[in-house]
Amino acid sequence: MGVLLKGTPKKNLVLVTGRAYPKLANDVAKQLGIDVLKTTSYDFADGEIYCRYTESVRGTDAFVLQSHTQPINKWIMEQLIMIDAMKRASARSITAIVPFLGYSRQDKKHLGREPISSRLIFDLFTTAGADRIMSVDLHAAQSQGFFNGPVDALQAMPLLVSYVRDSMDISNVTVVSPDAGRIRVAEQWASRLNNCPLAYIHKTRDITCANHAVSKRVIGDVRGKDCIITDDMIDTGGTIIGAVECLKEQGAKSVTIVATHALFNGDAVENLKNCGARKVIVTDTVPVPQEKRFDNLVVLSIAPLIAAAMKAVFTDGSVADLFANYPEHHGKEFLLA
């Protein structure tokens, strides 16, 4: 395989990756039938980052992939430097692929004298030279407006819903939103699961303290139901664990947790293992190393979706059609990460 996916005589696709999560880039490249372009990257003694591409990228449609996992600030900076290098190497277009976008939760001010860090991240991508941004399940869809250019907000929901439909009986299912802010997404889940019942958890959050939420009560009937909790991410797991406890107290028959981004920080892994959930289903938008895996955890590969979106962008196709037809684009098999 070569590093270029050839299009018209004057159009070629190239994929490069930072050091945060090269496995995902290789999985995406495999779906496209190409190799990842090799990059020379290293840190200087003082922590500065160096980057250089080993082959010419002049005139290519370049895709720079980096998931903002820990240490998050380092990997954001590395991706910005890679985009700058790509711009100065005369790439025809540059798409920043960020499966998980760092600082996406800081999309508004809760108190005076706070930053809107999500806007800052988009501004940095613009300054570095990105023409387009591609991400999966942004924390707030309206943050696409922070970037003055195309933003492909990919959705993991069709993949996750398809897996749920194939792996459990959905005749007794109730979809549960972990808070009021996710009700719209839960409604979309319910419509894809034969218009099953919907419930949500009323919770409070201390905005002066990070990762601290208290689940209060369940709004909706969950007694005797197989509940599916949907969320965009699991960080420390406080919100999800509180929701599971609430549902169990209200007589739920079983609880399945579904989320896109498996950050799994702090005591999240131990808490998820012991929370009583039937299964925890996530995607690999960020690395899920072996030490963070447990028996009832399922990690689905997001690589086919990203590869399909890249190909749609490269060939001037429709990215939106992917979500209407998924998983027909990739067959009935589910690729586990």
C-alpha atoms as a PDB file:
ATOM      1  CA  MET A   1       0.000   0.000   0.000  1.00  0.00           C
ATOM      2  CA  GLY A   2       1.051   3.594  -0.550  1.00  0.00           C
ATOM      3  CA  VAL A   3       0.499   6.679   1.542  1.00  0.00           C
ATOM      4  CA  LEU A   4      -1.720   8.329  -1.097  1.00  0.00           C
ATOM      5  CA  LEU A   5      -5.350   7.600  -1.876  1.00  0.00           C
ATOM      6  CA  LYS A   6      -5.571   8.766  -5.472  1.00  0.00           C
ATOM      7  CA  GLY A   7      -8.491  10.709  -6.854  1.00  0.00           C
ATOM      8  CA  THR A   8      -8.482  12.813  -9.992  1.00  0.00           C
ATOM      9  CA  PRO A   9      -5.047  13.405 -11.554  1.00  0.00           C
ATOM     10  CA  LYS A  10      -4.584  16.543  -9.457  1.00  0.00           C
ATOM     11  CA  LYS A  11      -6.119  15.285  -6.220  1.00  0.00           C
ATOM     12  CA  ASN A  12      -4.596  12.948  -3.634  1.00  0.00           C
ATOM     13  CA  LEU A  13      -5.462  12.154  -0.010  1.00  0.00           C
ATOM     14  CA  VAL A  14      -2.827  11.763   2.689  1.00  0.00           C
ATOM     15  CA  LEU A  15      -3.315  10.788   6.351  1.00  0.00           C
ATOM     16  CA  VAL A  16      -0.892  11.756   9.111  1.00  0.00           C
ATOM     17  CA  THR A  17      -1.103  11.201  12.850  1.00  0.00           C
ATOM     18  CA  GLY A  18       0.366  12.590  16.020  1.00  0.00           C
ATOM     19  CA  ARG A  19       1.770  10.428  18.779  1.00  0.00           C
ATOM     20  CA  ALA A  20      -1.330  10.448  20.988  1.00  0.00           C
ATOM     21  CA  TYR A  21      -3.123   7.531  19.335  1.00  0.00           C
ATOM     22  CA  PRO A  22      -1.347   6.089  16.272  1.00  0.00           C
ATOM     23  CA  LYS A  23      -3.334   2.833  16.455  1.00  0.00           C
ATOM     24  CA  LEU A  24      -6.561   4.603  15.502  1.00  0.00           C
ATOM     25  CA  ALA A  25      -4.845   6.260  12.529  1.00  0.00           C
ATOM     26  CA  ASN A  26      -3.534   2.881  11.366  1.00  0.00           C
ATOM     27  CA  ASP A  27      -7.017   1.383  11.709  1.00  0.00           C
ATOM     28  CA  VAL A  28      -8.472   4.246   9.636  1.00  0.00           C
ATOM     29  CA  ALA A  29      -5.732   3.851   7.014  1.00  0.00           C
ATOM     30  CA  LYS A  30      -6.482   0.133   6.781  1.00  0.00           C
ATOM     31  CA  GLN A  31     -10.130   0.935   6.049  1.00  0.00           C
ATOM     32  CA  LEU A  32      -9.002   3.297   3.263  1.00  0.00           C
ATOM     33  CA  GLY A  33      -6.441   0.884   1.852  1.00  0.00           C
ATOM     34  CA  ILE A  34      -3.480   3.221   2.398  1.00  0.00           C
ATOM     35  CA  ASP A  35      -0.584   3.678   4.809  1.00  0.00           C
ATOM     36  CA  VAL A  36      -0.169   6.498   7.308  1.00  0.00           C
ATOM     37  CA  LEU A  37       2.450   8.960   6.104  1.00  0.00           C
ATOM     38  CA  LYS A  38       5.482   8.683   8.366  1.00  0.00           C
ATOM     39  CA  THR A  39       6.249  11.705  10.488  1.00  0.00           C
ATOM     40  CA  THR A  40       9.380  12.562  12.426  1.00  0.00           C
ATOM     41  CA  SER A  41       8.243  13.837  15.828  1.00  0.00           C
ATOM     42  CA  TYR A  42      10.058  14.208  19.106  1.00  0.00           C
ATOM     43  CA  ASP A  43      10.354  16.385  22.210  1.00  0.00           C
ATOM     44  CA  PHE A  44      13.266  18.637  22.993  1.00  0.00           C
ATOM     45  CA  ALA A  45      14.761  18.555  26.482  1.00  0.00           C
ATOM     46  CA  ASP A  46      12.690  21.556  27.543  1.00  0.00           C
ATOM     47  CA  GLY A  47       9.436  19.973  26.323  1.00  0.00           C
ATOM     48  CA  GLU A  48       9.149  21.736  22.963  1.00  0.00           C
ATOM     49  CA  ILE A  49       7.765  19.585  20.133  1.00  0.00           C
ATOM     50  CA  TYR A  50       9.387  19.031  16.733  1.00  0.00           C
ATOM     51  CA  CYS A  51       7.566  17.712  13.656  1.00  0.00           C
ATOM     52  CA  ARG A  52       8.553  17.044  10.035  1.00  0.00           C
ATOM     53  CA  TYR A  53       6.926  14.963   7.285  1.00  0.00           C
ATOM     54  CA  THR A  54       9.184  12.407   5.605  1.00  0.00           C
ATOM     55  CA  GLU A  55       7.623  12.806   2.133  1.00  0.00           C
ATOM     56  CA  SER A  56       6.268  15.640   0.045  1.00  0.00           C
ATOM     57  CA  VAL A  57       2.670  16.642   0.790  1.00  0.00           C
ATOM     58  CA  ARG A  58       2.489  19.458  -1.759  1.00  0.00           C
ATOM     59  CA  GLY A  59      -0.956  19.670  -3.365  1.00  0.00           C
ATOM     60  CA  THR A  60      -2.500  16.901  -1.255  1.00  0.00           C
ATOM     61  CA  ASP A  61      -5.776  16.876   0.670  1.00  0.00           C
ATOM     62  CA  ALA A  62      -4.240  16.276   4.082  1.00  0.00           C
ATOM     63  CA  PHE A  63      -5.992  14.804   7.113  1.00  0.00           C
ATOM     64  CA  VAL A  64      -4.215  15.341  10.441  1.00  0.00           C
ATOM     65  CA  LEU A  65      -5.537  12.931  13.079  1.00  0.00           C
ATOM     66  CA  GLN A  66      -5.022  13.403  16.797  1.00  0.00           C
ATOM     67  CA  SER A  67      -7.338  12.462  19.655  1.00  0.00           C
ATOM     68  CA  HIS A  68      -7.025  14.759  22.664  1.00  0.00           C
ATOM     69  CA  THR A  69      -6.254  12.193  25.313  1.00  0.00           C
ATOM     70  CA  GLN A  70      -3.885  12.607  28.269  1.00  0.00           C
ATOM     71  CA  PRO A  71      -1.645  14.584  28.478  1.00  0.00           C
ATOM     72  CA  ILE A  72      -4.261  16.628  26.672  1.00  0.00           C
ATOM     73  CA  ASN A  73      -2.432  19.968  26.367  1.00  0.00           C
ATOM     74  CA  LYS A  74       0.643  18.335  24.848  1.00  0.00           C
ATOM     75  CA  TRP A  75      -1.341  16.498  22.191  1.00  0.00           C
ATOM     76  CA  ILE A  76      -3.367  19.583  21.275  1.00  0.00           C
ATOM     77  CA  MET A  77      -0.141  21.524  20.792  1.00  0.00           C
ATOM     78  CA  GLU A  78       1.396  18.735  18.729  1.00  0.00           C
ATOM     79  CA  GLN A  79      -1.609  18.666  16.391  1.00  0.00           C
ATOM     80  CA  LEU A  80      -1.434  22.440  15.938  1.00  0.00           C
ATOM     81  CA  ILE A  81       2.268  22.193  15.078  1.00  0.00           C
ATOM     82  CA  MET A  82       1.554  19.379  12.598  1.00  0.00           C
ATOM     83  CA  ILE A  83      -1.132  21.489  10.915  1.00  0.00           C
ATOM     84  CA  ASP A  84       1.267  24.437  10.700  1.00  0.00           C
ATOM     85  CA  ALA A  85       3.934  22.186   9.150  1.00  0.00           C
ATOM     86  CA  MET A  86       1.385  20.867   6.661  1.00  0.00           C
ATOM     87  CA  LYS A  87       0.354  24.415   5.685  1.00  0.00           C
ATOM     88  CA  ARG A  88       3.982  25.477   5.153  1.00  0.00           C
ATOM     89  CA  ALA A  89       4.547  22.322   3.082  1.00  0.00           C
ATOM     90  CA  SER A  90       1.864  23.549   0.629  1.00  0.00           C
ATOM     91  CA  ALA A  91      -0.907  21.011   1.220  1.00  0.00           C
ATOM     92  CA  ARG A  92      -3.944  21.853  -0.917  1.00  0.00           C
ATOM     93  CA  SER A  93      -6.370  21.473   2.008  1.00  0.00           C
ATOM     94  CA  ILE A  94      -5.987  20.507   5.667  1.00  0.00           C
ATOM     95  CA  THR A  95      -8.617  18.709   7.729  1.00  0.00           C
ATOM     96  CA  ALA A  96      -8.032  18.348  11.461  1.00  0.00           C
ATOM     97  CA  ILE A  97      -9.531  15.034  12.613  1.00  0.00           C
ATOM     98  CA  VAL A  98     -10.180  15.164  16.351  1.00  0.00           C
ATOM     99  CA  PRO A  99     -12.206  12.092  17.405  1.00  0.00           C
ATOM    100  CA  PHE A 100     -12.395  13.529  20.916  1.00  0.00           C
ATOM    101  CA  LEU A 101     -12.063  17.321  21.076  1.00  0.00           C
ATOM    102  CA  GLY A 102     -10.348  18.652  24.159  1.00  0.00           C
ATOM    103  CA  TYR A 103     -12.004  21.454  26.159  1.00  0.00           C
ATOM    104  CA  SER A 104     -15.341  20.782  24.421  1.00  0.00           C
ATOM    105  CA  ARG A 105     -17.180  20.958  27.759  1.00  0.00           C
ATOM    106  CA  GLN A 106     -16.044  24.545  28.313  1.00  0.00           C
ATOM    107  CA  ASP A 107     -18.370  25.933  25.651  1.00  0.00           C
ATOM    108  CA  LYS A 108     -20.002  28.691  27.721  1.00  0.00           C
ATOM    109  CA  LYS A 109     -19.569  30.780  30.834  1.00  0.00           C
ATOM    110  CA  HIS A 110     -21.228  29.588  34.033  1.00  0.00           C
ATOM    111  CA  LEU A 111     -19.771  32.363  36.207  1.00  0.00           C
ATOM    112  CA  GLY A 112     -18.191  35.742  35.631  1.00  0.00           C
ATOM    113  CA  ARG A 113     -14.488  35.944  34.703  1.00  0.00           C
ATOM    114  CA  GLU A 114     -14.456  32.444  33.178  1.00  0.00           C
ATOM    115  CA  PRO A 115     -13.005  31.601  29.741  1.00  0.00           C
ATOM    116  CA  ILE A 116     -14.827  29.927  26.876  1.00  0.00           C
ATOM    117  CA  SER A 117     -11.999  27.501  26.224  1.00  0.00           C
ATOM    118  CA  SER A 118     -13.794  25.557  23.494  1.00  0.00           C
ATOM    119  CA  ARG A 119     -13.908  28.707  21.354  1.00  0.00           C
ATOM    120  CA  LEU A 120     -10.195  29.223  21.969  1.00  0.00           C
ATOM    121  CA  ILE A 121      -9.388  25.712  20.704  1.00  0.00           C
ATOM    122  CA  PHE A 122     -11.291  26.336  17.465  1.00  0.00           C
ATOM    123  CA  ASP A 123      -9.511  29.677  17.050  1.00  0.00           C
ATOM    124  CA  LEU A 124      -6.161  27.923  17.463  1.00  0.00           C
ATOM    125  CA  PHE A 125      -7.038  25.467  14.707  1.00  0.00           C
ATOM    126  CA  THR A 126      -7.882  28.400  12.450  1.00  0.00           C
ATOM    127  CA  THR A 127      -4.617  30.154  13.223  1.00  0.00           C
ATOM    128  CA  ALA A 128      -2.596  26.981  12.652  1.00  0.00           C
ATOM    129  CA  GLY A 129      -4.098  26.608   9.177  1.00  0.00           C
ATOM    130  CA  ALA A 130      -6.905  24.025   9.375  1.00  0.00           C
ATOM    131  CA  ASP A 131      -9.508  24.433   6.625  1.00  0.00           C
ATOM    132  CA  ARG A 132     -11.914  21.887   8.081  1.00  0.00           C
ATOM    133  CA  ILE A 133     -12.509  20.077  11.377  1.00  0.00           C
ATOM    134  CA  MET A 134     -13.885  16.581  11.826  1.00  0.00           C
ATOM    135  CA  SER A 135     -14.901  15.308  15.272  1.00  0.00           C
ATOM    136  CA  VAL A 136     -17.163  12.678  16.837  1.00  0.00           C
ATOM    137  CA  ASP A 137     -20.048  13.596  19.150  1.00  0.00           C
ATOM    138  CA  LEU A 138     -19.133  17.123  20.172  1.00  0.00           C
ATOM    139  CA  HIS A 139     -20.253  17.863  23.721  1.00  0.00           C
ATOM    140  CA  ALA A 140     -22.371  20.764  22.451  1.00  0.00           C
ATOM    141  CA  ALA A 141     -23.426  20.717  18.800  1.00  0.00           C
ATOM    142  CA  GLN A 142     -23.625  24.518  18.666  1.00  0.00           C
ATOM    143  CA  SER A 143     -19.866  24.775  19.247  1.00  0.00           C
ATOM    144  CA  GLN A 144     -19.500  24.076  15.509  1.00  0.00           C
ATOM    145  CA  GLY A 145     -20.226  27.789  15.163  1.00  0.00           C
ATOM    146  CA  PHE A 146     -16.912  28.589  16.870  1.00  0.00           C
ATOM    147  CA  PHE A 147     -15.104  27.611  13.642  1.00  0.00           C
ATOM    148  CA  ASN A 148     -15.495  29.768  10.540  1.00  0.00           C
ATOM    149  CA  GLY A 149     -15.405  26.848   8.135  1.00  0.00           C
ATOM    150  CA  PRO A 150     -16.821  23.346   7.615  1.00  0.00           C
ATOM    151  CA  VAL A 151     -17.162  21.169  10.730  1.00  0.00           C
ATOM    152  CA  ASP A 152     -18.062  17.521  10.215  1.00  0.00           C
ATOM    153  CA  ALA A 153     -19.786  16.575  13.484  1.00  0.00           C
ATOM    154  CA  LEU A 154     -19.787  12.791  13.151  1.00  0.00           C
ATOM    155  CA  GLN A 155     -22.253  10.757  15.193  1.00  0.00           C
ATOM    156  CA  ALA A 156     -21.419   7.470  16.886  1.00  0.00           C
ATOM    157  CA  MET A 157     -25.102   6.872  17.668  1.00  0.00           C
ATOM    158  CA  PRO A 158     -25.928   4.778  14.555  1.00  0.00           C
ATOM    159  CA  LEU A 159     -23.021   2.436  15.334  1.00  0.00           C
ATOM    160  CA  LEU A 160     -23.917   2.183  19.026  1.00  0.00           C
ATOM    161  CA  VAL A 161     -27.640   1.727  18.368  1.00  0.00           C
ATOM    162  CA  SER A 162     -26.942  -0.999  15.822  1.00  0.00           C
ATOM    163  CA  TYR A 163     -24.777  -2.859  18.323  1.00  0.00           C
ATOM    164  CA  VAL A 164     -27.433  -2.559  21.034  1.00  0.00           C
ATOM    165  CA  ARG A 165     -30.147  -3.855  18.685  1.00  0.00           C
ATOM    166  CA  ASP A 166     -27.999  -6.860  17.762  1.00  0.00           C
ATOM    167  CA  SER A 167     -26.821  -7.698  21.282  1.00  0.00           C
ATOM    168  CA  MET A 168     -29.947  -7.474  23.456  1.00  0.00           C
ATOM    169  CA  ASP A 169     -33.724  -7.858  23.437  1.00  0.00           C
ATOM    170  CA  ILE A 170     -35.152  -4.357  22.945  1.00  0.00           C
ATOM    171  CA  SER A 171     -38.814  -5.261  23.593  1.00  0.00           C
ATOM    172  CA  ASN A 172     -38.554  -4.153  27.241  1.00  0.00           C
ATOM    173  CA  VAL A 173     -36.122  -1.245  26.804  1.00  0.00           C
ATOM    174  CA  THR A 174     -36.386   2.276  28.240  1.00  0.00           C
ATOM    175  CA  VAL A 175     -33.819   4.853  27.123  1.00  0.00           C
ATOM    176  CA  VAL A 176     -32.584   7.051  29.958  1.00  0.00           C
ATOM    177  CA  SER A 177     -30.905  10.438  29.656  1.00  0.00           C
ATOM    178  CA  PRO A 178     -28.408  11.017  32.510  1.00  0.00           C
ATOM    179  CA  ASP A 179     -29.510  14.667  32.726  1.00  0.00           C
ATOM    180  CA  ALA A 180     -31.962  17.109  31.175  1.00  0.00           C
ATOM    181  CA  GLY A 181     -29.349  18.386  28.717  1.00  0.00           C
ATOM    182  CA  ARG A 182     -29.136  15.039  26.915  1.00  0.00           C
ATOM    183  CA  ILE A 183     -32.880  14.494  26.459  1.00  0.00           C
ATOM    184  CA  ARG A 184     -32.805  15.380  22.759  1.00  0.00           C
ATOM    185  CA  VAL A 185     -30.173  12.693  22.110  1.00  0.00           C
ATOM    186  CA  ALA A 186     -32.120  10.182  24.201  1.00  0.00           C
ATOM    187  CA  GLU A 187     -35.196  10.921  22.074  1.00  0.00           C
ATOM    188  CA  GLN A 188     -33.201  10.065  18.950  1.00  0.00           C
ATOM    189  CA  TRP A 189     -32.115   6.806  20.575  1.00  0.00           C
ATOM    190  CA  ALA A 190     -35.698   5.974  21.517  1.00  0.00           C
ATOM    191  CA  SER A 191     -36.920   6.601  17.956  1.00  0.00           C
ATOM    192  CA  ARG A 192     -34.273   4.191  16.615  1.00  0.00           C
ATOM    193  CA  LEU A 193     -35.276   1.554  19.177  1.00  0.00           C
ATOM    194  CA  ASN A 194     -38.883   1.175  18.009  1.00  0.00           C
ATOM    195  CA  ASN A 195     -40.031   4.350  19.794  1.00  0.00           C
ATOM    196  CA  CYS A 196     -39.411   2.807  23.189  1.00  0.00           C
ATOM    197  CA  PRO A 197     -40.224   4.729  26.435  1.00  0.00           C
ATOM    198  CA  LEU A 198     -37.993   7.554  27.637  1.00  0.00           C
ATOM    199  CA  ALA A 199     -36.865   8.673  31.100  1.00  0.00           C
ATOM    200  CA  TYR A 200     -34.271  11.064  32.470  1.00  0.00           C
ATOM    201  CA  ILE A 201     -32.342  11.681  35.672  1.00  0.00           C
ATOM    202  CA  HIS A 202     -32.747  14.992  37.461  1.00  0.00           C
ATOM    203  CA  LYS A 203     -29.363  15.983  38.856  1.00  0.00           C
ATOM    204  CA  THR A 204     -27.550  18.968  40.302  1.00  0.00           C
ATOM    205  CA  ARG A 205     -23.960  19.993  39.611  1.00  0.00           C
ATOM    206  CA  ASP A 206     -21.591  22.150  41.665  1.00  0.00           C
ATOM    207  CA  ILE A 207     -20.165  24.423  38.947  1.00  0.00           C
ATOM    208  CA  THR A 208     -17.378  25.550  41.283  1.00  0.00           C
ATOM    209  CA  CYS A 209     -16.064  21.975  41.609  1.00  0.00           C
ATOM    210  CA  ALA A 210     -14.878  19.823  38.674  1.00  0.00           C
ATOM    211  CA  ASN A 211     -16.405  16.373  38.073  1.00  0.00           C
ATOM    212  CA  HIS A 212     -18.971  16.659  40.843  1.00  0.00           C
ATOM    213  CA  ALA A 213     -22.613  15.851  40.089  1.00  0.00           C
ATOM    214  CA  VAL A 214     -25.385  14.470  42.295  1.00  0.00           C
ATOM    215  CA  SER A 215     -28.215  12.440  40.755  1.00  0.00           C
ATOM    216  CA  LYS A 216     -31.496  13.251  42.494  1.00  0.00           C
ATOM    217  CA  ARG A 217     -34.444  11.306  41.058  1.00  0.00           C
ATOM    218  CA  VAL A 218     -35.787   9.530  37.977  1.00  0.00           C
ATOM    219  CA  ILE A 219     -38.401  11.253  35.827  1.00  0.00           C
ATOM    220  CA  GLY A 220     -40.292   8.458  34.053  1.00  0.00           C
ATOM    221  CA  ASP A 221     -41.283   4.841  34.700  1.00  0.00           C
ATOM    222  CA  VAL A 222     -38.321   2.442  34.798  1.00  0.00           C
ATOM    223  CA  ARG A 223     -39.633  -0.282  37.124  1.00  0.00           C
ATOM    224  CA  GLY A 224     -39.030  -3.708  35.599  1.00  0.00           C
ATOM    225  CA  LYS A 225     -37.403  -2.156  32.510  1.00  0.00           C
ATOM    226  CA  ASP A 226     -34.108  -2.870  30.768  1.00  0.00           C
ATOM    227  CA  CYS A 227     -32.670   0.644  30.915  1.00  0.00           C
ATOM    228  CA  ILE A 228     -30.100   2.054  28.498  1.00  0.00           C
ATOM    229  CA  ILE A 229     -28.254   5.159  29.731  1.00  0.00           C
ATOM    230  CA  THR A 230     -26.732   7.207  26.908  1.00  0.00           C
ATOM    231  CA  ASP A 231     -24.084   9.903  27.268  1.00  0.00           C
ATOM    232  CA  ASP A 232     -21.384  11.475  25.140  1.00  0.00           C
ATOM    233  CA  MET A 233     -18.523  10.668  27.505  1.00  0.00           C
ATOM    234  CA  ILE A 234     -17.541   8.928  30.714  1.00  0.00           C
ATOM    235  CA  ASP A 235     -14.860  10.933  32.525  1.00  0.00           C
ATOM    236  CA  THR A 236     -14.700  10.031  36.210  1.00  0.00           C
ATOM    237  CA  GLY A 237     -18.056   8.268  35.891  1.00  0.00           C
ATOM    238  CA  GLY A 238     -19.801  10.246  38.630  1.00  0.00           C
ATOM    239  CA  THR A 239     -22.847  11.140  36.529  1.00  0.00           C
ATOM    240  CA  ILE A 240     -23.261   7.647  35.078  1.00  0.00           C
ATOM    241  CA  ILE A 241     -22.734   5.813  38.380  1.00  0.00           C
ATOM    242  CA  GLY A 242     -25.253   8.079  40.113  1.00  0.00           C
ATOM    243  CA  ALA A 243     -27.743   7.390  37.331  1.00  0.00           C
ATOM    244  CA  VAL A 244     -27.295   3.622  37.664  1.00  0.00           C
ATOM    245  CA  GLU A 245     -27.894   3.826  41.421  1.00  0.00           C
ATOM    246  CA  CYS A 246     -31.058   5.907  40.885  1.00  0.00           C
ATOM    247  CA  LEU A 247     -32.420   3.446  38.335  1.00  0.00           C
ATOM    248  CA  LYS A 248     -31.701   0.454  40.555  1.00  0.00           C
ATOM    249  CA  GLU A 249     -33.467   2.152  43.464  1.00  0.00           C
ATOM    250  CA  GLN A 250     -36.500   2.707  41.224  1.00  0.00           C
ATOM    251  CA  GLY A 251     -36.693  -0.989  40.353  1.00  0.00           C
ATOM    252  CA  ALA A 252     -34.982  -1.173  36.959  1.00  0.00           C
ATOM    253  CA  LYS A 253     -34.530  -4.774  35.813  1.00  0.00           C
ATOM    254  CA  SER A 254     -31.118  -4.085  34.231  1.00  0.00           C
ATOM    255  CA  VAL A 255     -28.977  -1.124  33.246  1.00  0.00           C
ATOM    256  CA  THR A 256     -26.752  -0.862  30.158  1.00  0.00           C
ATOM    257  CA  ILE A 257     -24.375   2.101  29.860  1.00  0.00           C
ATOM    258  CA  VAL A 258     -23.579   3.486  26.397  1.00  0.00           C
ATOM    259  CA  ALA A 259     -21.152   6.337  25.720  1.00  0.00           C
ATOM    260  CA  THR A 260     -18.956   7.555  22.869  1.00  0.00           C
ATOM    261  CA  HIS A 261     -15.809   8.766  24.632  1.00  0.00           C
ATOM    262  CA  ALA A 262     -14.288   6.423  27.246  1.00  0.00           C
ATOM    263  CA  LEU A 263     -12.017   8.863  29.113  1.00  0.00           C
ATOM    264  CA  PHE A 264     -12.086   6.712  32.280  1.00  0.00           C
ATOM    265  CA  ASN A 265     -10.214   9.062  34.616  1.00  0.00           C
ATOM    266  CA  GLY A 266      -9.806   8.776  38.389  1.00  0.00           C
ATOM    267  CA  ASP A 267     -11.680   5.802  39.870  1.00  0.00           C
ATOM    268  CA  ALA A 268     -13.967   5.439  36.861  1.00  0.00           C
ATOM    269  CA  VAL A 269     -12.888   1.922  35.914  1.00  0.00           C
ATOM    270  CA  GLU A 270     -13.270   0.499  39.434  1.00  0.00           C
ATOM    271  CA  ASN A 271     -16.609   2.253  39.902  1.00  0.00           C
ATOM    272  CA  LEU A 272     -17.951   1.022  36.563  1.00  0.00           C
ATOM    273  CA  LYS A 273     -16.890  -2.538  37.320  1.00  0.00           C
ATOM    274  CA  ASN A 274     -18.808  -2.487  40.593  1.00  0.00           C
ATOM    275  CA  CYS A 275     -21.830  -0.345  39.721  1.00  0.00           C
ATOM    276  CA  GLY A 276     -24.066  -3.247  38.726  1.00  0.00           C
ATOM    277  CA  ALA A 277     -24.443  -2.328  35.044  1.00  0.00           C
ATOM    278  CA  ARG A 278     -25.153  -5.259  32.725  1.00  0.00           C
ATOM    279  CA  LYS A 279     -22.736  -3.936  30.123  1.00  0.00           C
ATOM    280  CA  VAL A 280     -20.710  -0.796  29.339  1.00  0.00           C
ATOM    281  CA  ILE A 281     -20.520  -0.046  25.605  1.00  0.00           C
ATOM    282  CA  VAL A 282     -18.109   2.622  24.291  1.00  0.00           C
ATOM    283  CA  THR A 283     -16.091   3.482  21.183  1.00  0.00           C
ATOM    284  CA  ASP A 284     -12.348   3.940  20.806  1.00  0.00           C
ATOM    285  CA  THR A 285     -12.269   7.675  20.034  1.00  0.00           C
ATOM    286  CA  VAL A 286      -9.602   7.763  22.755  1.00  0.00           C
ATOM    287  CA  PRO A 287      -7.248   4.914  23.695  1.00  0.00           C
ATOM    288  CA  VAL A 288      -8.691   2.340  26.092  1.00  0.00           C
ATOM    289  CA  PRO A 289      -5.569   0.494  27.308  1.00  0.00           C
ATOM    290  CA  GLN A 290      -5.754  -3.035  28.671  1.00  0.00           C
ATOM    291  CA  GLU A 291      -5.468  -1.842  32.272  1.00  0.00           C
ATOM    292  CA  LYS A 292      -8.703   0.139  31.829  1.00  0.00           C
ATOM    293  CA  ARG A 293     -10.677  -2.790  30.430  1.00  0.00           C
ATOM    294  CA  PHE A 294     -12.976  -5.095  32.374  1.00  0.00           C
ATOM    295  CA  ASP A 295     -15.207  -8.089  31.736  1.00  0.00           C
ATOM    296  CA  ASN A 296     -18.462  -6.359  30.793  1.00  0.00           C
ATOM    297  CA  LEU A 297     -16.820  -3.569  28.752  1.00  0.00           C
ATOM    298  CA  VAL A 298     -17.348  -3.535  24.965  1.00  0.00           C
ATOM    299  CA  VAL A 299     -15.170  -1.195  22.868  1.00  0.00           C
ATOM    300  CA  LEU A 300     -16.363  -0.639  19.297  1.00  0.00           C
ATOM    301  CA  SER A 301     -14.011   0.695  16.637  1.00  0.00           C
ATOM    302  CA  ILE A 302     -14.813   4.164  15.330  1.00  0.00           C
ATOM    303  CA  ALA A 303     -12.286   3.750  12.473  1.00  0.00           C
ATOM    304  CA  PRO A 304     -14.811   2.660   9.792  1.00  0.00           C
ATOM    305  CA  LEU A 305     -16.954   5.746  10.434  1.00  0.00           C
ATOM    306  CA  ILE A 306     -13.983   8.139  10.316  1.00  0.00           C
ATOM    307  CA  ALA A 307     -12.644   6.477   7.155  1.00  0.00           C
ATOM    308  CA  ALA A 308     -16.044   6.716   5.463  1.00  0.00           C
ATOM    309  CA  ALA A 309     -16.324  10.403   6.414  1.00  0.00           C
ATOM    310  CA  MET A 310     -12.825  11.114   5.111  1.00  0.00           C
ATOM    311  CA  LYS A 311     -13.644   9.443   1.812  1.00  0.00           C
ATOM    312  CA  ALA A 312     -16.898  11.406   1.541  1.00  0.00           C
ATOM    313  CA  VAL A 313     -15.042  14.696   2.097  1.00  0.00           C
ATOM    314  CA  PHE A 314     -12.271  13.735  -0.326  1.00  0.00           C
ATOM    315  CA  THR A 315     -14.680  12.714  -3.108  1.00  0.00           C
ATOM    316  CA  ASP A 316     -17.090  15.608  -2.478  1.00  0.00           C
ATOM    317  CA  GLY A 317     -19.744  13.181  -1.272  1.00  0.00           C
ATOM    318  CA  SER A 318     -22.306  13.545   1.517  1.00  0.00           C
ATOM    319  CA  VAL A 319     -21.173  13.042   5.096  1.00  0.00           C
ATOM    320  CA  ALA A 320     -24.780  13.307   6.319  1.00  0.00           C
ATOM    321  CA  ASP A 321     -25.768  10.230   4.290  1.00  0.00           C
ATOM    322  CA  LEU A 322     -23.406   8.120   6.404  1.00  0.00           C
ATOM    323  CA  PHE A 323     -25.643   8.484   9.451  1.00  0.00           C
ATOM    324  CA  ALA A 324     -28.822   7.670   7.559  1.00  0.00           C
ATOM    325  CA  ASN A 325     -27.400   4.431   6.110  1.00  0.00           C
ATOM    326  CA  TYR A 326     -24.920   3.254   8.747  1.00  0.00           C
ATOM    327  CA  PRO A 327     -23.910   0.419   9.128  1.00  0.00           C
ATOM    328  CA  GLU A 328     -24.732  -0.528   5.534  1.00  0.00           C
ATOM    329  CA  HIS A 329     -21.584   1.322   4.450  1.00  0.00           C
ATOM    330  CA  HIS A 330     -19.446  -1.130   6.372  1.00  0.00           C
ATOM    331  CA  GLY A 331     -21.401  -4.387   6.407  1.00  0.00           C
ATOM    332  CA  LYS A 332     -23.169  -6.055   9.310  1.00  0.00           C
ATOM    333  CA  GLU A 333     -20.018  -7.006  11.206  1.00  0.00           C
ATOM    334  CA  PHE A 334     -19.024  -4.896  14.198  1.00  0.00           C
ATOM    335  CA  LEU A 335     -15.328  -4.124  14.442  1.00  0.00           C
ATOM    336  CA  LEU A 336     -14.154  -4.352  18.044  1.00  0.00           C
ATOM    337  CA  ALA A 337     -11.195  -2.245  19.115  1.00  0.00           C
END
